[in-house]
Amino acid sequence: MKQKKLLEKLKTFFDSSAREREKQKSDVKNILKKLKKRERNLKKKLDSEDDVDKRNSIQKKIDVVYAQRKKGIKLIKEE
């Protein structure tokens, strides 16, 4: 291993807040995967739905999930 990489590992090991951030980042990534799956399922449901009221309801859910995903992605990129 190169010196820079070793120093980063030591820093992470001794810095508990960095470990917590990495764990939080990992958790957010898992949640983002679930949200993406949910968004895909809702889009499939939207395509197969004929009732206008139900389509509007599903579209609102899609918009909420999309906003949550974007917020999570922004959180990960900030770190």
N, C-alpha and C. Protein backbone atom coordinates (compact mmCIF):
# COMPACT_ATOMS: atom_id res chain seq x y z
N MET A 1 0.83 -1.18 0.00
CA MET A 1 0.00 0.00 0.00
C MET A 1 0.87 1.24 0.00
N LYS A 2 0.39 2.25 -0.64
CA LYS A 2 1.15 3.49 -0.68
C LYS A 2 0.95 4.26 0.62
N GLN A 3 1.87 5.16 0.86
CA GLN A 3 1.89 5.90 2.11
C GLN A 3 0.62 6.72 2.30
N LYS A 4 0.15 7.36 1.26
CA LYS A 4 -1.04 8.21 1.35
C LYS A 4 -2.26 7.38 1.76
N LYS A 5 -2.39 6.22 1.16
CA LYS A 5 -3.52 5.35 1.46
C LYS A 5 -3.45 4.84 2.90
N LEU A 6 -2.25 4.51 3.36
CA LEU A 6 -2.07 4.08 4.75
C LEU A 6 -2.42 5.19 5.73
N LEU A 7 -2.02 6.39 5.42
CA LEU A 7 -2.34 7.52 6.29
C LEU A 7 -3.85 7.77 6.36
N GLU A 8 -4.52 7.61 5.23
CA GLU A 8 -5.97 7.77 5.22
C GLU A 8 -6.64 6.71 6.08
N LYS A 9 -6.16 5.48 5.99
CA LYS A 9 -6.72 4.40 6.81
C LYS A 9 -6.50 4.66 8.29
N LEU A 10 -5.31 5.13 8.64
CA LEU A 10 -5.03 5.45 10.05
C LEU A 10 -5.92 6.59 10.53
N LYS A 11 -6.09 7.58 9.69
CA LYS A 11 -6.94 8.72 10.05
C LYS A 11 -8.37 8.24 10.31
N THR A 12 -8.86 7.39 9.44
CA THR A 12 -10.21 6.86 9.60
C THR A 12 -10.31 6.01 10.86
N PHE A 13 -9.28 5.24 11.13
CA PHE A 13 -9.28 4.38 12.30
C PHE A 13 -9.31 5.19 13.59
N PHE A 14 -8.53 6.25 13.65
CA PHE A 14 -8.45 7.04 14.88
C PHE A 14 -9.54 8.10 14.98
N ASP A 15 -10.13 8.45 13.90
CA ASP A 15 -11.16 9.49 13.90
C ASP A 15 -12.53 8.82 13.89
N SER A 16 -13.15 8.75 15.06
CA SER A 16 -14.44 8.06 15.17
C SER A 16 -15.54 8.79 14.40
N SER A 17 -15.46 10.09 14.31
CA SER A 17 -16.50 10.82 13.57
C SER A 17 -16.43 10.48 12.08
N ALA A 18 -15.23 10.25 11.58
CA ALA A 18 -15.09 9.85 10.17
C ALA A 18 -15.73 8.49 9.96
N ARG A 19 -15.54 7.58 10.93
CA ARG A 19 -16.17 6.26 10.83
C ARG A 19 -17.68 6.38 10.82
N GLU A 20 -18.19 7.25 11.65
CA GLU A 20 -19.64 7.45 11.71
C GLU A 20 -20.16 8.03 10.40
N ARG A 21 -19.40 8.95 9.81
CA ARG A 21 -19.81 9.53 8.52
C ARG A 21 -19.82 8.46 7.44
N GLU A 22 -18.82 7.59 7.44
CA GLU A 22 -18.78 6.52 6.45
C GLU A 22 -19.96 5.57 6.61
N LYS A 23 -20.30 5.27 7.85
CA LYS A 23 -21.44 4.40 8.10
C LYS A 23 -22.73 5.07 7.64
N GLN A 24 -22.86 6.36 7.93
CA GLN A 24 -24.04 7.11 7.51
C GLN A 24 -24.12 7.14 5.99
N LYS A 25 -22.99 7.35 5.34
CA LYS A 25 -22.95 7.38 3.88
C LYS A 25 -23.39 6.05 3.30
N SER A 26 -22.93 4.97 3.91
CA SER A 26 -23.31 3.63 3.46
C SER A 26 -24.81 3.41 3.65
N ASP A 27 -25.33 3.85 4.78
CA ASP A 27 -26.76 3.71 5.04
C ASP A 27 -27.59 4.49 4.03
N VAL A 28 -27.14 5.70 3.72
CA VAL A 28 -27.86 6.54 2.76
C VAL A 28 -27.85 5.88 1.38
N LYS A 29 -26.73 5.27 1.01
CA LYS A 29 -26.66 4.59 -0.29
C LYS A 29 -27.66 3.44 -0.36
N ASN A 30 -27.78 2.68 0.74
CA ASN A 30 -28.75 1.58 0.77
C ASN A 30 -30.18 2.11 0.63
N ILE A 31 -30.46 3.20 1.31
CA ILE A 31 -31.79 3.80 1.23
C ILE A 31 -32.07 4.29 -0.18
N LEU A 32 -31.04 4.88 -0.82
CA LEU A 32 -31.21 5.37 -2.18
C LEU A 32 -31.53 4.23 -3.15
N LYS A 33 -30.92 3.09 -2.94
CA LYS A 33 -31.22 1.93 -3.79
C LYS A 33 -32.67 1.51 -3.64
N LYS A 34 -33.15 1.51 -2.41
CA LYS A 34 -34.55 1.14 -2.16
C LYS A 34 -35.50 2.16 -2.77
N LEU A 35 -35.15 3.44 -2.65
CA LEU A 35 -36.00 4.48 -3.23
C LEU A 35 -36.04 4.38 -4.75
N LYS A 36 -34.92 4.05 -5.36
CA LYS A 36 -34.88 3.92 -6.81
C LYS A 36 -35.77 2.76 -7.26
N LYS A 37 -35.71 1.67 -6.52
CA LYS A 37 -36.55 0.51 -6.83
C LYS A 37 -38.02 0.88 -6.68
N ARG A 38 -38.34 1.61 -5.62
CA ARG A 38 -39.73 2.02 -5.39
C ARG A 38 -40.21 2.95 -6.51
N GLU A 39 -39.33 3.86 -6.94
CA GLU A 39 -39.69 4.78 -8.02
C GLU A 39 -39.96 4.01 -9.32
N ARG A 40 -39.14 3.03 -9.61
CA ARG A 40 -39.36 2.21 -10.82
C ARG A 40 -40.70 1.48 -10.75
N ASN A 41 -40.99 0.90 -9.59
CA ASN A 41 -42.26 0.19 -9.43
C ASN A 41 -43.45 1.13 -9.60
N LEU A 42 -43.35 2.32 -9.04
CA LEU A 42 -44.43 3.29 -9.19
C LEU A 42 -44.61 3.72 -10.65
N LYS A 43 -43.50 3.86 -11.37
CA LYS A 43 -43.60 4.23 -12.79
C LYS A 43 -44.27 3.13 -13.60
N LYS A 44 -43.97 1.87 -13.27
CA LYS A 44 -44.64 0.76 -13.95
C LYS A 44 -46.13 0.78 -13.65
N LYS A 45 -46.46 1.03 -12.39
CA LYS A 45 -47.86 1.09 -11.99
C LYS A 45 -48.56 2.25 -12.69
N LEU A 46 -47.87 3.37 -12.84
CA LEU A 46 -48.43 4.54 -13.51
C LEU A 46 -48.73 4.23 -14.98
N ASP A 47 -47.84 3.52 -15.63
CA ASP A 47 -48.03 3.18 -17.04
C ASP A 47 -49.23 2.27 -17.26
N SER A 48 -49.50 1.41 -16.28
CA SER A 48 -50.59 0.46 -16.45
C SER A 48 -51.94 0.98 -15.93
N GLU A 49 -51.94 2.13 -15.28
CA GLU A 49 -53.18 2.67 -14.69
C GLU A 49 -53.93 3.52 -15.72
N ASP A 50 -55.27 3.36 -15.74
CA ASP A 50 -56.11 4.12 -16.66
C ASP A 50 -56.89 5.24 -15.98
N ASP A 51 -57.20 5.06 -14.71
CA ASP A 51 -57.99 6.04 -13.96
C ASP A 51 -57.14 7.31 -13.71
N VAL A 52 -57.70 8.46 -14.07
CA VAL A 52 -56.98 9.73 -13.97
C VAL A 52 -56.65 10.08 -12.53
N ASP A 53 -57.59 9.88 -11.62
CA ASP A 53 -57.34 10.21 -10.21
C ASP A 53 -56.21 9.34 -9.64
N LYS A 54 -56.24 8.07 -9.95
CA LYS A 54 -55.18 7.18 -9.45
C LYS A 54 -53.84 7.53 -10.07
N ARG A 55 -53.85 7.91 -11.35
CA ARG A 55 -52.61 8.32 -12.02
C ARG A 55 -52.01 9.56 -11.34
N ASN A 56 -52.87 10.51 -10.99
CA ASN A 56 -52.38 11.72 -10.31
C ASN A 56 -51.79 11.38 -8.96
N SER A 57 -52.46 10.49 -8.24
CA SER A 57 -51.97 10.07 -6.93
C SER A 57 -50.61 9.38 -7.04
N ILE A 58 -50.49 8.49 -8.02
CA ILE A 58 -49.22 7.78 -8.22
C ILE A 58 -48.13 8.76 -8.64
N GLN A 59 -48.47 9.72 -9.48
CA GLN A 59 -47.48 10.70 -9.94
C GLN A 59 -46.97 11.55 -8.77
N LYS A 60 -47.85 11.89 -7.84
CA LYS A 60 -47.43 12.64 -6.66
C LYS A 60 -46.45 11.82 -5.82
N LYS A 61 -46.73 10.52 -5.70
CA LYS A 61 -45.82 9.64 -4.95
C LYS A 61 -44.46 9.57 -5.64
N ILE A 62 -44.48 9.49 -6.96
CA ILE A 62 -43.23 9.46 -7.72
C ILE A 62 -42.44 10.74 -7.50
N ASP A 63 -43.13 11.87 -7.50
CA ASP A 63 -42.46 13.15 -7.29
C ASP A 63 -41.81 13.23 -5.91
N VAL A 64 -42.49 12.70 -4.90
CA VAL A 64 -41.94 12.70 -3.54
C VAL A 64 -40.70 11.81 -3.46
N VAL A 65 -40.78 10.63 -4.03
CA VAL A 65 -39.65 9.69 -4.01
C VAL A 65 -38.47 10.31 -4.77
N TYR A 66 -38.75 10.94 -5.89
CA TYR A 66 -37.71 11.58 -6.70
C TYR A 66 -37.01 12.67 -5.89
N ALA A 67 -37.78 13.49 -5.19
CA ALA A 67 -37.20 14.56 -4.37
C ALA A 67 -36.35 13.99 -3.24
N GLN A 68 -36.81 12.90 -2.63
CA GLN A 68 -36.04 12.27 -1.56
C GLN A 68 -34.72 11.73 -2.10
N ARG A 69 -34.76 11.13 -3.27
CA ARG A 69 -33.54 10.59 -3.87
C ARG A 69 -32.54 11.71 -4.17
N LYS A 70 -33.03 12.80 -4.74
CA LYS A 70 -32.15 13.92 -5.06
C LYS A 70 -31.52 14.50 -3.80
N LYS A 71 -32.29 14.59 -2.74
CA LYS A 71 -31.77 15.09 -1.48
C LYS A 71 -30.69 14.16 -0.93
N GLY A 72 -30.89 12.87 -1.03
CA GLY A 72 -29.90 11.89 -0.57
C GLY A 72 -28.63 11.93 -1.40
N ILE A 73 -28.78 12.08 -2.70
CA ILE A 73 -27.62 12.17 -3.58
C ILE A 73 -26.81 13.42 -3.26
N LYS A 74 -27.51 14.51 -3.00
CA LYS A 74 -26.83 15.77 -2.66
C LYS A 74 -26.07 15.59 -1.34
N LEU A 75 -26.65 14.90 -0.39
CA LEU A 75 -26.02 14.66 0.90
C LEU A 75 -24.73 13.84 0.74
N ILE A 76 -24.75 12.85 -0.10
CA ILE A 76 -23.58 12.00 -0.33
C ILE A 76 -22.47 12.80 -1.03
N LYS A 77 -22.85 13.63 -2.00
CA LYS A 77 -21.84 14.40 -2.73
C LYS A 77 -21.18 15.47 -1.88
N GLU A 78 -21.88 15.96 -0.87
CA GLU A 78 -21.31 16.99 0.00
C GLU A 78 -20.18 16.44 0.85
N GLU A 79 -20.21 15.17 1.17
CA GLU A 79 -19.18 14.60 2.05
C GLU A 79 -17.90 14.32 1.37
